[in-house]
Amino acid sequence: MTIRLPGDDGTLRTYEPRVAERTTTYSVGSAPLVSRTVFSAAHVVADPYADTTPDGPAAVDWDATLAFRRHLWAHGLGVAEAMDTAQRGMGLDWAGAAELIRRSAAEAKAVGGRIACGVGTDQLTHPGADLATVSAAYEEQLALVEESGAQAILMASRALAAAARGPEDYLTLYGHLLRQASEPVILHWLGPMFDPALDGYWGSADLDAATETFLQVIAEHPDRVDGVKISLLDAEREIDLRRRLPDGVRCYTGDDFHYPELIAGDDQGFSHALLGILDPLGPVAAEAVRVLDTGDAKGFRELLDPTVELSRHLFEAPTRFYKTGVVLLAWLAGHQSHFTMVGGLQSARSLPHLARAYELADGLGLFPDPVLAEARMKSLLTVYGVEQ
């Protein structure tokens, strides 16, 4: 069997999909991950039958959304909930995120899965909020996450980026939040490639100056910070930053371009992981970390290095639209019955981009049923007028 895929030049090429006999399967219920703490930032599954609009309330298929989280937990991964992978601020509003946090935290408790949830300020839907209002919004969300029993991830805030006058405002606000958190939190530094509204976060567009402010927040409250998630797509900066963290504060890589080398580490340390790419790569990533648990760094890299090309493709500029490729792969892999996204974001990537994502994922053997994946990809191509 073959499939005709569109290329960037507007022409069609013939691709021969992988056959089922060449697909790698990864067992569930294996030994827990030991040497690294690994979170997958998980996507949400839209309700395809909801009569809604891109700017209307998010319509979520809760059964399918929670089933995908059980899939991740079954492989031993933690779930980073209500993060940007879940279209937070890009189709998923605060009401939907709050419900997602409540449901996922309850599901995690029921199955014994690890969960951490994003705390932000996205209930502030109008510009011009002052720092007191931003702080109150953070407090509201922090209280909800802690009441749910989940660990808190303090996400970067568009409202804070707009309201802050300089580094001192970040030091004051984050210090206030960390002092009132009941358990150590994860601090999240999301770069502007993921969200342009976060340009200049930590009080400066100069990343060296911003790094100093970020590290000062941690140094002043080391017992209140479990770890930091760095999403700057800059491996050298992450390595330098993690070497400067206080003892006991972890670095969770959010670098979807360089994750194998950052997780493997060097003779001065390593990064844990909190990554959107671990949504489609969950089973292979869990297997790779189990190999690393045995001390086999070479085997770990042999499993994960081949996945980087797919990740770099999904996260290519404009990076914030990577969620479209993630959801496409979830549909092709059989984790959901449709390719629909909240906010209509399934339209955010071109057909050649989606075709290449399919080809790369198929080449890696990521689809449990490659025949199903091929059939679904052909159905999508047909909608776009590509005859097979």
Protein backbone atom coordinates (compact mmCIF):
# COMPACT_ATOMS: atom_id res chain seq x y z
CA MET A 1 0.00 0.00 0.00
CA THR A 2 1.14 3.54 -0.72
CA ILE A 3 -0.12 7.01 0.12
CA ARG A 4 0.30 10.25 -1.84
CA LEU A 5 1.52 13.09 0.36
CA PRO A 6 1.85 16.79 -0.53
CA GLY A 7 5.24 18.44 -0.23
CA ASP A 8 6.26 22.03 0.47
CA ASP A 9 6.67 22.65 -3.26
CA GLY A 10 3.02 21.88 -4.02
CA THR A 11 3.70 18.52 -5.66
CA LEU A 12 2.60 15.06 -4.53
CA ARG A 13 5.01 12.29 -3.64
CA THR A 14 4.41 8.61 -3.01
CA TYR A 15 5.17 7.23 0.44
CA GLU A 16 5.07 3.59 1.52
CA PRO A 17 3.79 3.35 5.11
CA ARG A 18 5.24 1.05 7.70
CA VAL A 19 3.59 -2.37 8.02
CA ALA A 20 2.30 -3.65 11.34
CA GLU A 21 5.06 -6.24 11.68
CA ARG A 22 7.65 -3.44 11.87
CA THR A 23 5.87 -1.43 14.56
CA THR A 24 7.47 -1.33 18.01
CA THR A 25 5.15 -1.82 20.96
CA TYR A 26 5.94 -0.75 24.52
CA SER A 27 4.39 -2.59 27.42
CA VAL A 28 2.47 -0.86 30.18
CA GLY A 29 2.73 -1.58 33.86
CA SER A 30 6.52 -1.86 33.77
CA ALA A 31 8.86 -0.76 36.54
CA PRO A 32 8.49 2.87 37.65
CA LEU A 33 10.90 5.47 36.34
CA VAL A 34 13.71 6.00 38.82
CA SER A 35 16.59 8.12 37.57
CA ARG A 36 14.50 10.96 36.13
CA THR A 37 11.17 12.59 36.95
CA VAL A 38 9.27 12.82 33.67
CA PHE A 39 6.04 14.71 33.00
CA SER A 40 4.15 14.71 29.72
CA ALA A 41 2.27 17.93 29.08
CA ALA A 42 -0.97 16.47 27.74
CA HIS A 43 -3.41 17.77 25.13
CA VAL A 44 -7.18 18.00 25.51
CA VAL A 45 -9.65 16.20 23.25
CA ALA A 46 -12.36 18.43 21.85
CA ASP A 47 -16.01 17.46 21.61
CA PRO A 48 -16.48 17.25 17.81
CA TYR A 49 -20.27 17.45 18.06
CA ALA A 50 -20.39 20.68 20.07
CA ASP A 51 -22.09 23.59 18.36
CA THR A 52 -19.49 26.21 19.20
CA THR A 53 -17.22 28.81 17.61
CA PRO A 54 -13.46 29.44 17.83
CA ASP A 55 -13.98 32.25 20.34
CA GLY A 56 -16.71 30.44 22.31
CA PRO A 57 -16.31 28.37 25.48
CA ALA A 58 -14.14 25.28 25.05
CA ALA A 59 -16.11 22.09 24.45
CA VAL A 60 -14.11 19.13 25.79
CA ASP A 61 -14.69 15.41 25.40
CA TRP A 62 -13.96 14.53 29.01
CA ASP A 63 -14.01 10.74 28.58
CA ALA A 64 -11.45 10.78 25.78
CA THR A 65 -9.34 13.43 27.52
CA LEU A 66 -9.08 11.40 30.72
CA ALA A 67 -8.49 8.18 28.80
CA PHE A 68 -5.42 9.75 27.22
CA ARG A 69 -4.09 10.66 30.64
CA ARG A 70 -4.58 7.07 31.80
CA HIS A 71 -2.54 6.01 28.76
CA LEU A 72 0.34 8.22 29.92
CA TRP A 73 0.13 7.09 33.54
CA ALA A 74 0.06 3.44 32.45
CA HIS A 75 3.49 3.91 30.91
CA GLY A 76 4.85 5.43 34.11
CA LEU A 77 4.84 9.09 33.10
CA GLY A 78 3.56 11.96 35.16
CA VAL A 79 0.99 14.30 33.64
CA ALA A 80 1.54 18.05 33.49
CA GLU A 81 -2.02 19.25 33.29
CA ALA A 82 -3.60 22.44 31.97
CA MET A 83 -0.37 23.69 30.44
CA ASP A 84 0.11 25.28 27.03
CA THR A 85 -0.08 21.83 25.39
CA ALA A 86 -3.68 21.71 26.59
CA GLN A 87 -4.23 24.92 24.59
CA ARG A 88 -4.24 27.03 27.71
CA GLY A 89 -4.93 30.53 26.44
CA MET A 90 -5.30 29.20 22.88
CA GLY A 91 -8.80 27.76 22.92
CA LEU A 92 -9.05 26.51 26.50
CA ASP A 93 -10.36 29.22 28.80
CA TRP A 94 -9.99 29.33 32.58
CA ALA A 95 -13.40 27.74 33.19
CA GLY A 96 -12.40 24.79 31.02
CA ALA A 97 -8.94 24.61 32.58
CA ALA A 98 -10.40 24.61 36.09
CA GLU A 99 -12.71 21.72 35.22
CA LEU A 100 -9.80 19.90 33.57
CA ILE A 101 -7.70 20.28 36.71
CA ARG A 102 -10.47 18.99 38.96
CA ARG A 103 -11.23 15.97 36.78
CA SER A 104 -7.64 15.03 36.04
CA ALA A 105 -6.54 15.38 39.66
CA ALA A 106 -9.40 13.10 40.76
CA GLU A 107 -8.46 10.60 38.04
CA ALA A 108 -4.80 10.71 39.11
CA LYS A 109 -5.79 9.92 42.68
CA ALA A 110 -7.97 7.03 41.52
CA VAL A 111 -5.22 5.37 39.46
CA GLY A 112 -2.18 6.41 41.49
CA GLY A 113 -0.77 8.69 38.79
CA ARG A 114 1.51 11.65 39.35
CA ILE A 115 0.09 15.04 38.35
CA ALA A 116 1.13 18.66 38.42
CA CYS A 117 -1.17 21.45 37.21
CA GLY A 118 -0.65 24.85 35.71
CA VAL A 119 -1.41 27.96 37.77
CA GLY A 120 -1.79 31.15 35.77
CA THR A 121 -3.88 34.28 35.40
CA ASP A 122 -5.93 33.55 32.30
CA GLN A 123 -9.22 34.39 34.02
CA LEU A 124 -8.11 38.00 33.40
CA THR A 125 -9.55 38.38 29.92
CA HIS A 126 -9.32 42.16 29.61
CA PRO A 127 -6.07 44.14 29.29
CA GLY A 128 -4.87 46.60 31.88
CA ALA A 129 -4.86 44.50 35.07
CA ASP A 130 -2.65 45.92 37.82
CA LEU A 131 -0.23 43.88 39.90
CA ALA A 132 -2.69 43.40 42.77
CA THR A 133 -5.25 41.97 40.37
CA VAL A 134 -2.65 39.70 38.77
CA SER A 135 -1.60 38.46 42.20
CA ALA A 136 -5.21 37.73 43.18
CA ALA A 137 -5.74 35.78 39.96
CA TYR A 138 -2.67 33.65 40.65
CA GLU A 139 -3.89 33.06 44.22
CA GLU A 140 -7.29 31.90 43.01
CA GLN A 141 -5.78 29.34 40.67
CA LEU A 142 -3.14 28.21 43.18
CA ALA A 143 -5.89 27.53 45.73
CA LEU A 144 -7.86 25.44 43.23
CA VAL A 145 -4.83 23.32 42.27
CA GLU A 146 -3.84 22.72 45.88
CA GLU A 147 -7.42 21.86 46.85
CA SER A 148 -7.44 19.28 44.05
CA GLY A 149 -4.42 17.55 45.58
CA ALA A 150 -2.11 18.25 42.63
CA GLN A 151 1.32 19.84 42.63
CA ALA A 152 1.32 23.45 41.39
CA ILE A 153 3.24 24.75 38.38
CA LEU A 154 3.46 28.55 38.46
CA MET A 155 3.11 29.41 34.79
CA ALA A 156 4.28 32.59 33.13
CA SER A 157 1.50 35.18 32.98
CA ARG A 158 0.63 37.40 30.03
CA ALA A 159 -1.06 39.80 32.45
CA LEU A 160 2.07 40.02 34.61
CA ALA A 161 4.26 40.61 31.56
CA ALA A 162 2.00 43.53 30.65
CA ALA A 163 1.73 44.98 34.17
CA ALA A 164 5.26 44.60 35.53
CA ARG A 165 7.48 47.67 35.39
CA GLY A 166 10.73 45.78 35.92
CA PRO A 167 12.48 42.92 37.75
CA GLU A 168 11.39 44.10 41.21
CA ASP A 169 7.74 43.50 40.39
CA TYR A 170 8.51 39.88 39.49
CA LEU A 171 10.57 39.38 42.65
CA THR A 172 7.79 40.79 44.82
CA LEU A 173 4.89 38.94 43.21
CA TYR A 174 6.60 35.55 42.93
CA GLY A 175 7.95 35.87 46.45
CA HIS A 176 4.43 36.47 47.73
CA LEU A 177 3.07 33.43 45.89
CA LEU A 178 5.89 31.13 46.98
CA ARG A 179 5.49 32.07 50.64
CA GLN A 180 1.84 31.09 50.62
CA ALA A 181 2.13 27.86 48.61
CA SER A 182 1.48 24.87 50.85
CA GLU A 183 3.97 22.64 48.98
CA PRO A 184 7.03 23.32 46.81
CA VAL A 185 6.04 24.36 43.31
CA ILE A 186 7.54 24.17 39.83
CA LEU A 187 8.39 27.54 38.28
CA HIS A 188 7.80 27.74 34.53
CA TRP A 189 9.75 30.05 32.24
CA LEU A 190 8.04 29.93 28.86
CA GLY A 191 9.86 31.76 26.09
CA PRO A 192 8.26 34.11 23.55
CA MET A 193 8.62 31.51 20.79
CA PHE A 194 5.81 29.65 22.58
CA ASP A 195 3.84 32.80 23.43
CA PRO A 196 4.85 36.19 21.96
CA ALA A 197 2.98 37.98 24.77
CA LEU A 198 5.68 36.75 27.19
CA ASP A 199 8.51 38.67 25.56
CA GLY A 200 10.58 40.43 28.22
CA TYR A 201 9.48 38.13 31.04
CA TRP A 202 11.34 38.51 34.36
CA GLY A 203 11.65 42.22 33.59
CA SER A 204 14.01 42.26 30.62
CA ALA A 205 14.24 41.25 26.96
CA ASP A 206 17.94 40.57 27.66
CA LEU A 207 17.98 36.85 28.52
CA ASP A 208 21.09 37.19 30.67
CA ALA A 209 19.42 39.85 32.81
CA ALA A 210 16.16 37.86 32.92
CA THR A 211 18.08 34.77 34.03
CA GLU A 212 19.57 36.65 36.97
CA THR A 213 16.11 37.73 38.14
CA PHE A 214 14.75 34.21 37.72
CA LEU A 215 17.63 32.78 39.77
CA GLN A 216 17.16 35.44 42.43
CA VAL A 217 13.53 34.40 42.92
CA ILE A 218 14.71 30.81 43.49
CA ALA A 219 17.67 31.78 45.70
CA GLU A 220 15.39 33.75 48.00
CA HIS A 221 12.91 30.84 48.36
CA PRO A 222 14.80 27.57 47.68
CA ASP A 223 12.65 25.53 50.06
CA ARG A 224 9.48 26.60 48.21
CA VAL A 225 10.70 25.55 44.74
CA ASP A 226 10.65 21.88 43.75
CA GLY A 227 12.11 22.69 40.36
CA VAL A 228 12.10 24.93 37.33
CA LYS A 229 10.84 24.21 33.82
CA ILE A 230 12.87 25.97 31.16
CA SER A 231 11.23 26.36 27.74
CA LEU A 232 13.63 28.58 25.82
CA LEU A 233 14.86 26.09 23.18
CA ASP A 234 18.42 27.03 24.17
CA ALA A 235 20.34 24.01 25.46
CA GLU A 236 23.46 25.90 26.56
CA ARG A 237 21.44 28.42 28.55
CA GLU A 238 19.52 25.63 30.26
CA ILE A 239 22.73 23.79 31.17
CA ASP A 240 24.27 26.96 32.58
CA LEU A 241 21.11 27.72 34.56
CA ARG A 242 20.73 24.23 36.03
CA ARG A 243 24.35 24.31 37.25
CA ARG A 244 23.50 27.44 39.22
CA LEU A 245 20.37 26.10 40.92
CA PRO A 246 20.46 25.64 44.70
CA ASP A 247 20.87 22.09 45.97
CA GLY A 248 17.57 20.23 45.90
CA VAL A 249 15.99 22.36 43.16
CA ARG A 250 15.48 20.36 39.99
CA CYS A 251 15.68 21.47 36.40
CA TYR A 252 12.85 20.15 34.21
CA THR A 253 13.74 20.59 30.58
CA GLY A 254 11.06 22.06 28.38
CA ASP A 255 13.39 22.07 25.36
CA ASP A 256 11.64 20.12 22.62
CA PHE A 257 14.71 20.51 20.36
CA HIS A 258 17.47 19.12 22.61
CA TYR A 259 15.74 16.90 25.19
CA PRO A 260 17.78 13.67 24.72
CA GLU A 261 21.11 15.31 25.53
CA LEU A 262 19.64 17.43 28.34
CA ILE A 263 17.95 14.47 30.05
CA ALA A 264 21.02 12.26 29.60
CA GLY A 265 23.12 15.00 31.19
CA ASP A 266 26.84 15.29 31.73
CA ASP A 267 29.35 14.84 34.56
CA GLN A 268 27.95 17.96 36.23
CA GLY A 269 24.27 17.04 36.24
CA PHE A 270 21.17 16.45 34.15
CA SER A 271 17.66 17.70 33.51
CA HIS A 272 14.41 15.99 34.41
CA ALA A 273 11.63 16.53 31.87
CA LEU A 274 8.31 18.32 31.45
CA LEU A 275 7.66 18.30 27.73
CA GLY A 276 4.86 18.65 25.21
CA ILE A 277 6.61 16.28 22.82
CA LEU A 278 6.13 13.51 25.40
CA ASP A 279 2.42 13.57 24.51
CA PRO A 280 3.02 11.64 21.26
CA LEU A 281 6.31 10.10 22.47
CA GLY A 282 5.07 8.88 25.85
CA PRO A 283 5.67 5.13 25.45
CA VAL A 284 9.07 5.40 23.78
CA ALA A 285 10.24 8.08 26.23
CA ALA A 286 9.23 5.94 29.21
CA GLU A 287 11.09 2.97 27.75
CA ALA A 288 14.15 5.14 27.13
CA VAL A 289 14.23 6.36 30.74
CA ARG A 290 13.94 2.78 31.98
CA VAL A 291 17.01 1.99 29.88
CA LEU A 292 18.73 5.00 31.44
CA ASP A 293 17.75 3.69 34.88
CA THR A 294 20.07 0.73 34.24
CA GLY A 295 22.96 3.10 33.58
CA ASP A 296 22.83 2.62 29.82
CA ALA A 297 23.06 6.22 28.57
CA LYS A 298 23.99 5.03 25.08
CA GLY A 299 20.85 2.89 24.84
CA PHE A 300 18.78 5.82 26.08
CA ARG A 301 20.12 8.05 23.32
CA GLU A 302 19.62 5.33 20.70
CA LEU A 303 15.92 5.28 21.55
CA LEU A 304 15.32 9.03 21.83
CA ASP A 305 17.73 10.64 19.37
CA PRO A 306 15.77 9.44 16.29
CA THR A 307 12.65 11.23 17.60
CA VAL A 308 14.23 14.69 17.53
CA GLU A 309 13.53 15.26 13.83
CA LEU A 310 9.81 14.76 14.45
CA SER A 311 9.87 17.04 17.49
CA ARG A 312 11.71 19.80 15.67
CA HIS A 313 9.16 19.54 12.87
CA LEU A 314 6.17 19.76 15.21
CA PHE A 315 7.70 22.70 17.09
CA GLU A 316 8.94 24.65 14.09
CA ALA A 317 8.03 28.34 13.93
CA PRO A 318 5.50 29.58 14.72
CA THR A 319 6.16 27.24 17.65
CA ARG A 320 2.95 28.00 19.52
CA PHE A 321 1.00 25.99 16.93
CA TYR A 322 2.77 22.72 17.79
CA LYS A 323 -0.43 21.50 19.46
CA THR A 324 -1.98 20.90 16.03
CA GLY A 325 0.60 18.27 15.14
CA VAL A 326 0.36 16.70 18.59
CA VAL A 327 -3.41 16.23 18.23
CA LEU A 328 -3.04 14.95 14.67
CA LEU A 329 -0.72 12.19 15.92
CA ALA A 330 -3.08 11.31 18.77
CA TRP A 331 -5.88 10.84 16.22
CA LEU A 332 -3.72 8.81 13.85
CA ALA A 333 -2.54 6.64 16.77
CA GLY A 334 -6.13 5.84 17.73
CA HIS A 335 -6.28 7.77 21.00
CA GLN A 336 -9.28 9.77 19.80
CA SER A 337 -11.87 9.38 17.08
CA HIS A 338 -11.44 12.69 15.25
CA PHE A 339 -9.06 15.50 14.33
CA THR A 340 -10.90 18.42 15.90
CA MET A 341 -9.43 20.87 18.40
CA VAL A 342 -10.88 23.42 20.79
CA GLY A 343 -10.80 26.84 19.21
CA GLY A 344 -10.67 25.29 15.74
CA LEU A 345 -6.89 25.03 16.00
CA GLN A 346 -6.78 22.00 13.70
CA SER A 347 -6.49 24.60 10.92
CA ALA A 348 -3.33 26.17 12.35
CA ARG A 349 -0.86 24.04 10.36
CA SER A 350 -0.64 23.50 6.61
CA LEU A 351 -1.41 20.20 4.91
CA PRO A 352 2.26 19.67 3.90
CA HIS A 353 3.24 20.17 7.57
CA LEU A 354 0.70 17.59 8.73
CA ALA A 355 1.72 15.16 6.00
CA ARG A 356 5.36 15.38 7.04
CA ALA A 357 4.39 14.83 10.69
CA TYR A 358 2.56 11.65 9.67
CA GLU A 359 5.53 10.44 7.62
CA LEU A 360 8.06 11.04 10.40
CA ALA A 361 5.87 9.43 13.08
CA ASP A 362 5.18 6.44 10.89
CA GLY A 363 8.88 6.07 10.18
CA LEU A 364 9.53 5.92 13.93
CA GLY A 365 6.89 3.23 14.41
CA LEU A 366 4.81 5.39 16.74
CA PHE A 367 1.43 4.19 15.50
CA PRO A 368 0.15 1.04 17.27
CA ASP A 369 -1.94 0.30 14.18
CA PRO A 370 -0.23 1.71 11.07
CA VAL A 371 -3.10 0.54 8.86
CA LEU A 372 -5.52 2.68 10.87
CA ALA A 373 -3.12 5.61 10.76
CA GLU A 374 -2.80 5.31 6.98
CA ALA A 375 -6.56 5.14 6.51
CA ARG A 376 -7.13 8.18 8.69
CA MET A 377 -4.39 10.17 6.97
CA LYS A 378 -5.92 9.33 3.58
CA SER A 379 -9.31 10.50 4.80
CA LEU A 380 -7.79 13.84 5.85
CA LEU A 381 -6.03 14.20 2.52
CA THR A 382 -9.29 13.54 0.72
CA VAL A 383 -10.95 16.42 2.54
CA TYR A 384 -8.19 18.65 1.14
CA GLY A 385 -8.77 17.30 -2.38
CA VAL A 386 -5.81 14.91 -2.59
CA GLU A 387 -7.00 11.85 -4.47
CA GLN A 388 -5.37 8.53 -3.63
